[in-house]
Amino acid sequence: MSIIQQRIYLASQSPRRRELLKQIGVNFEMLLLRSDPRRNMDVDETPHAGEAPEDYVKRVCLAKSEAGFSALRLRNLPPFPVLAADTTVTLDGKIFGKPGNAEQAAAMLRQLSGQEHKVLSAVAVALGDHVESAVSISTVRFAPLDDERIRRYLLTREYIDKAGAYAIQGHAGAFIEHITGSYSGVMGLPLFETVELLRHFDYPVS
């Protein structure tokens, strides 16, 4: 099979993840879990009581990849690897998901202001019974943010659908004093871990 014919399915609607896969030359097709009326493919992203952030992000990511492969079989699509990812922000063991509105986003940003937090990005690949995952952990330090700066940021609406209410590649990149770890992982898809997993599924990546 030639490299052109080989591909993967991406079980994510994130434009950032699409951009990152294109950056490393991965041939992929979108696999939208919510688009099949015959079966509910949504994954419950609610943290379990007492669940550690790393366990949480890995569990959700694995569930997304497995739901993606189930959708693949349901739709009789060619069996190629299904890649899924999930990202969460954590401070002092508390999981920061996606804010539901501007007020929640502001509250998250006030907590992150002047603090060092962690960004956990899990990636999983599923093909039949073969499922593998990896987790990238990065440390990010925010500058102190006053209310006016937060207010101006909220006007960009960049916080929508972002774990921790921010995106490193957007306006909030100016909040970051220091990062240790994976820039692509903070964006939402750790490229090193992604490539390593795809190699395990015989997908040709450089």
Protein backbone atom coordinates (compact mmCIF):
# COMPACT_ATOMS: atom_id res chain seq x y z
CA MET A 1 0.00 0.00 0.00
CA SER A 2 1.40 3.39 -0.94
CA ILE A 3 1.78 6.32 1.44
CA ILE A 4 -0.87 8.25 -0.52
CA GLN A 5 -3.44 5.49 0.04
CA GLN A 6 -2.74 5.15 3.73
CA ARG A 7 -4.63 7.47 6.03
CA ILE A 8 -6.13 7.81 9.47
CA TYR A 9 -9.43 9.08 10.79
CA LEU A 10 -9.44 12.05 13.15
CA ALA A 11 -12.18 11.81 15.76
CA SER A 12 -12.09 15.50 16.61
CA GLN A 13 -13.59 18.71 15.26
CA SER A 14 -10.69 20.82 16.52
CA PRO A 15 -9.17 23.01 13.79
CA ARG A 16 -5.96 23.14 15.82
CA ARG A 17 -5.58 19.37 15.67
CA ARG A 18 -6.21 19.40 11.94
CA GLU A 19 -3.51 22.03 11.50
CA LEU A 20 -1.01 20.04 13.56
CA LEU A 21 -1.62 16.82 11.62
CA LYS A 22 -1.17 18.70 8.36
CA GLN A 23 2.06 20.16 9.76
CA ILE A 24 3.60 16.69 10.01
CA GLY A 25 2.12 15.46 6.73
CA VAL A 26 -0.45 13.00 8.06
CA ASN A 27 -3.18 12.09 5.58
CA PHE A 28 -6.47 12.11 7.51
CA GLU A 29 -10.22 12.25 7.16
CA MET A 30 -12.59 13.78 9.68
CA LEU A 31 -14.76 11.35 11.64
CA LEU A 32 -17.56 13.27 13.36
CA LEU A 33 -19.01 11.23 16.20
CA ARG A 34 -22.20 13.26 16.56
CA SER A 35 -23.20 13.01 12.91
CA ASP A 36 -24.65 9.49 12.94
CA PRO A 37 -28.35 9.45 13.96
CA ARG A 38 -28.38 5.68 14.38
CA ARG A 39 -26.24 5.69 17.48
CA ASN A 40 -25.24 8.17 20.16
CA MET A 41 -21.47 8.46 19.84
CA ASP A 42 -21.03 11.31 22.30
CA VAL A 43 -18.45 10.71 25.03
CA ASP A 44 -19.23 11.81 28.59
CA GLU A 45 -16.45 14.23 29.54
CA THR A 46 -17.63 14.73 33.13
CA PRO A 47 -14.81 14.05 35.61
CA HIS A 48 -15.47 11.26 38.08
CA ALA A 49 -15.42 12.09 41.79
CA GLY A 50 -11.83 12.09 43.01
CA GLU A 51 -10.45 11.30 39.56
CA ALA A 52 -6.86 12.44 39.04
CA PRO A 53 -6.39 14.81 36.06
CA GLU A 54 -4.07 12.39 34.22
CA ASP A 55 -6.51 9.50 34.68
CA TYR A 56 -9.36 11.73 33.53
CA VAL A 57 -7.76 12.96 30.31
CA LYS A 58 -6.58 9.47 29.39
CA ARG A 59 -10.00 7.93 30.06
CA VAL A 60 -11.84 10.48 27.93
CA CYS A 61 -9.33 10.20 25.11
CA LEU A 62 -9.52 6.40 25.02
CA ALA A 63 -13.32 6.57 25.04
CA LYS A 64 -13.24 8.96 22.06
CA SER A 65 -10.93 6.71 20.05
CA GLU A 66 -13.00 3.61 20.78
CA ALA A 67 -16.27 5.43 19.97
CA GLY A 68 -14.63 6.57 16.75
CA PHE A 69 -13.72 3.05 15.72
CA SER A 70 -17.25 1.88 16.57
CA ALA A 71 -18.60 4.61 14.28
CA LEU A 72 -16.22 3.42 11.58
CA ARG A 73 -17.63 -0.09 11.67
CA LEU A 74 -21.21 1.14 11.89
CA ARG A 75 -20.75 3.17 8.72
CA ASN A 76 -18.84 0.40 6.90
CA LEU A 77 -15.87 2.66 6.27
CA PRO A 78 -12.44 1.27 5.34
CA PRO A 79 -10.59 0.20 8.51
CA PHE A 80 -7.82 2.70 9.12
CA PRO A 81 -6.55 3.87 12.53
CA VAL A 82 -8.77 6.29 14.45
CA LEU A 83 -6.94 9.04 16.31
CA ALA A 84 -8.53 10.97 19.17
CA ALA A 85 -7.16 13.51 21.62
CA ASP A 86 -8.24 15.33 24.74
CA THR A 87 -6.70 18.22 26.62
CA THR A 88 -7.29 19.51 30.12
CA VAL A 89 -5.80 22.21 32.30
CA THR A 90 -5.15 21.55 35.97
CA LEU A 91 -4.12 23.71 38.90
CA ASP A 92 -3.46 22.17 42.31
CA GLY A 93 -5.18 18.97 41.21
CA LYS A 94 -8.35 20.76 40.07
CA ILE A 95 -9.52 20.04 36.53
CA PHE A 96 -10.35 23.08 34.39
CA GLY A 97 -12.62 22.05 31.55
CA LYS A 98 -14.22 24.22 28.88
CA PRO A 99 -16.05 27.25 30.28
CA GLY A 100 -19.77 27.41 29.61
CA ASN A 101 -19.85 31.20 29.42
CA ALA A 102 -17.76 34.36 29.84
CA GLU A 103 -18.25 34.42 33.61
CA GLN A 104 -16.85 30.93 34.00
CA ALA A 105 -13.96 31.81 31.68
CA ALA A 106 -13.15 34.90 33.77
CA ALA A 107 -13.19 32.83 36.96
CA MET A 108 -10.75 30.33 35.45
CA LEU A 109 -8.40 33.05 34.24
CA ARG A 110 -8.38 34.73 37.66
CA GLN A 111 -7.32 31.43 39.22
CA LEU A 112 -4.59 30.90 36.63
CA SER A 113 -3.34 34.50 36.91
CA GLY A 114 0.23 34.62 38.18
CA GLN A 115 0.24 30.86 38.71
CA GLU A 116 2.00 27.85 37.29
CA HIS A 117 -0.41 25.21 36.02
CA LYS A 118 -0.23 22.00 34.03
CA VAL A 119 -1.68 21.17 30.64
CA LEU A 120 -2.34 17.49 30.03
CA SER A 121 -2.92 16.31 26.46
CA ALA A 122 -3.77 12.69 25.81
CA VAL A 123 -3.72 11.08 22.38
CA ALA A 124 -5.09 7.64 21.55
CA VAL A 125 -5.17 5.50 18.42
CA ALA A 126 -7.60 2.62 17.89
CA LEU A 127 -7.76 -0.04 15.19
CA GLY A 128 -9.94 -2.98 16.12
CA ASP A 129 -8.78 -4.43 19.43
CA HIS A 130 -5.46 -2.61 19.15
CA VAL A 131 -5.72 0.58 21.20
CA GLU A 132 -2.80 2.63 22.50
CA SER A 133 -2.53 5.97 24.24
CA ALA A 134 0.00 8.44 25.60
CA VAL A 135 -0.18 11.55 27.75
CA SER A 136 1.91 14.70 27.39
CA ILE A 137 2.27 16.91 30.47
CA SER A 138 3.47 20.50 30.14
CA THR A 139 3.90 23.23 32.73
CA VAL A 140 2.74 26.76 31.90
CA ARG A 141 3.22 29.91 33.97
CA PHE A 142 0.83 32.81 33.49
CA ALA A 143 1.71 36.43 34.15
CA PRO A 144 -0.52 38.24 36.67
CA LEU A 145 -3.75 39.28 34.92
CA ASP A 146 -5.82 42.20 36.15
CA ASP A 147 -9.56 42.42 35.59
CA GLU A 148 -9.22 44.84 32.69
CA ARG A 149 -6.87 42.56 30.82
CA ILE A 150 -9.20 39.62 31.38
CA ARG A 151 -12.17 41.72 30.23
CA ARG A 152 -10.43 42.66 26.99
CA TYR A 153 -9.47 39.04 26.38
CA LEU A 154 -13.05 37.85 26.87
CA LEU A 155 -14.16 40.23 24.13
CA THR A 156 -12.17 38.14 21.64
CA ARG A 157 -14.39 35.12 22.52
CA GLU A 158 -11.29 33.00 22.14
CA TYR A 159 -12.13 31.22 25.39
CA ILE A 160 -15.04 29.33 23.78
CA ASP A 161 -14.48 25.56 23.62
CA LYS A 162 -11.00 25.88 25.18
CA ALA A 163 -9.88 23.93 28.23
CA GLY A 164 -8.85 26.42 30.88
CA ALA A 165 -10.47 29.21 28.79
CA TYR A 166 -7.39 29.91 26.68
CA ALA A 167 -5.45 28.93 23.57
CA ILE A 168 -1.68 29.25 23.55
CA GLN A 169 -1.61 30.01 19.81
CA GLY A 170 -4.08 32.91 20.17
CA HIS A 171 -4.30 36.17 22.11
CA ALA A 172 -3.63 34.32 25.38
CA GLY A 173 -0.15 33.46 24.16
CA ALA A 174 0.79 36.89 25.53
CA PHE A 175 -0.21 35.75 29.05
CA ILE A 176 2.44 33.03 29.13
CA GLU A 177 5.72 33.86 30.86
CA HIS A 178 7.20 30.39 30.60
CA ILE A 179 6.40 26.93 29.27
CA THR A 180 8.13 23.62 29.96
CA GLY A 181 7.10 20.67 27.82
CA SER A 182 5.28 20.42 24.50
CA TYR A 183 3.98 23.51 22.71
CA SER A 184 1.89 21.30 20.40
CA GLY A 185 0.62 19.45 23.46
CA VAL A 186 -0.62 22.70 24.97
CA MET A 187 -2.28 23.43 21.63
CA GLY A 188 -4.14 20.14 21.91
CA LEU A 189 -2.17 17.44 20.07
CA PRO A 190 1.33 16.47 21.25
CA LEU A 191 3.14 15.74 18.01
CA PHE A 192 5.96 13.63 19.42
CA GLU A 193 3.56 11.24 21.15
CA THR A 194 1.25 11.24 18.12
CA VAL A 195 4.02 10.18 15.75
CA GLU A 196 5.23 7.46 18.13
CA LEU A 197 1.71 5.99 18.37
CA LEU A 198 1.11 6.11 14.61
CA ARG A 199 4.35 4.20 14.05
CA HIS A 200 2.96 1.43 16.25
CA PHE A 201 0.08 1.17 13.78
CA ASP A 202 2.43 1.06 10.77
CA TYR A 203 1.44 4.48 9.55
CA PRO A 204 4.39 6.05 7.69
CA VAL A 205 5.45 9.24 9.46
CA SER A 206 8.77 11.04 9.38
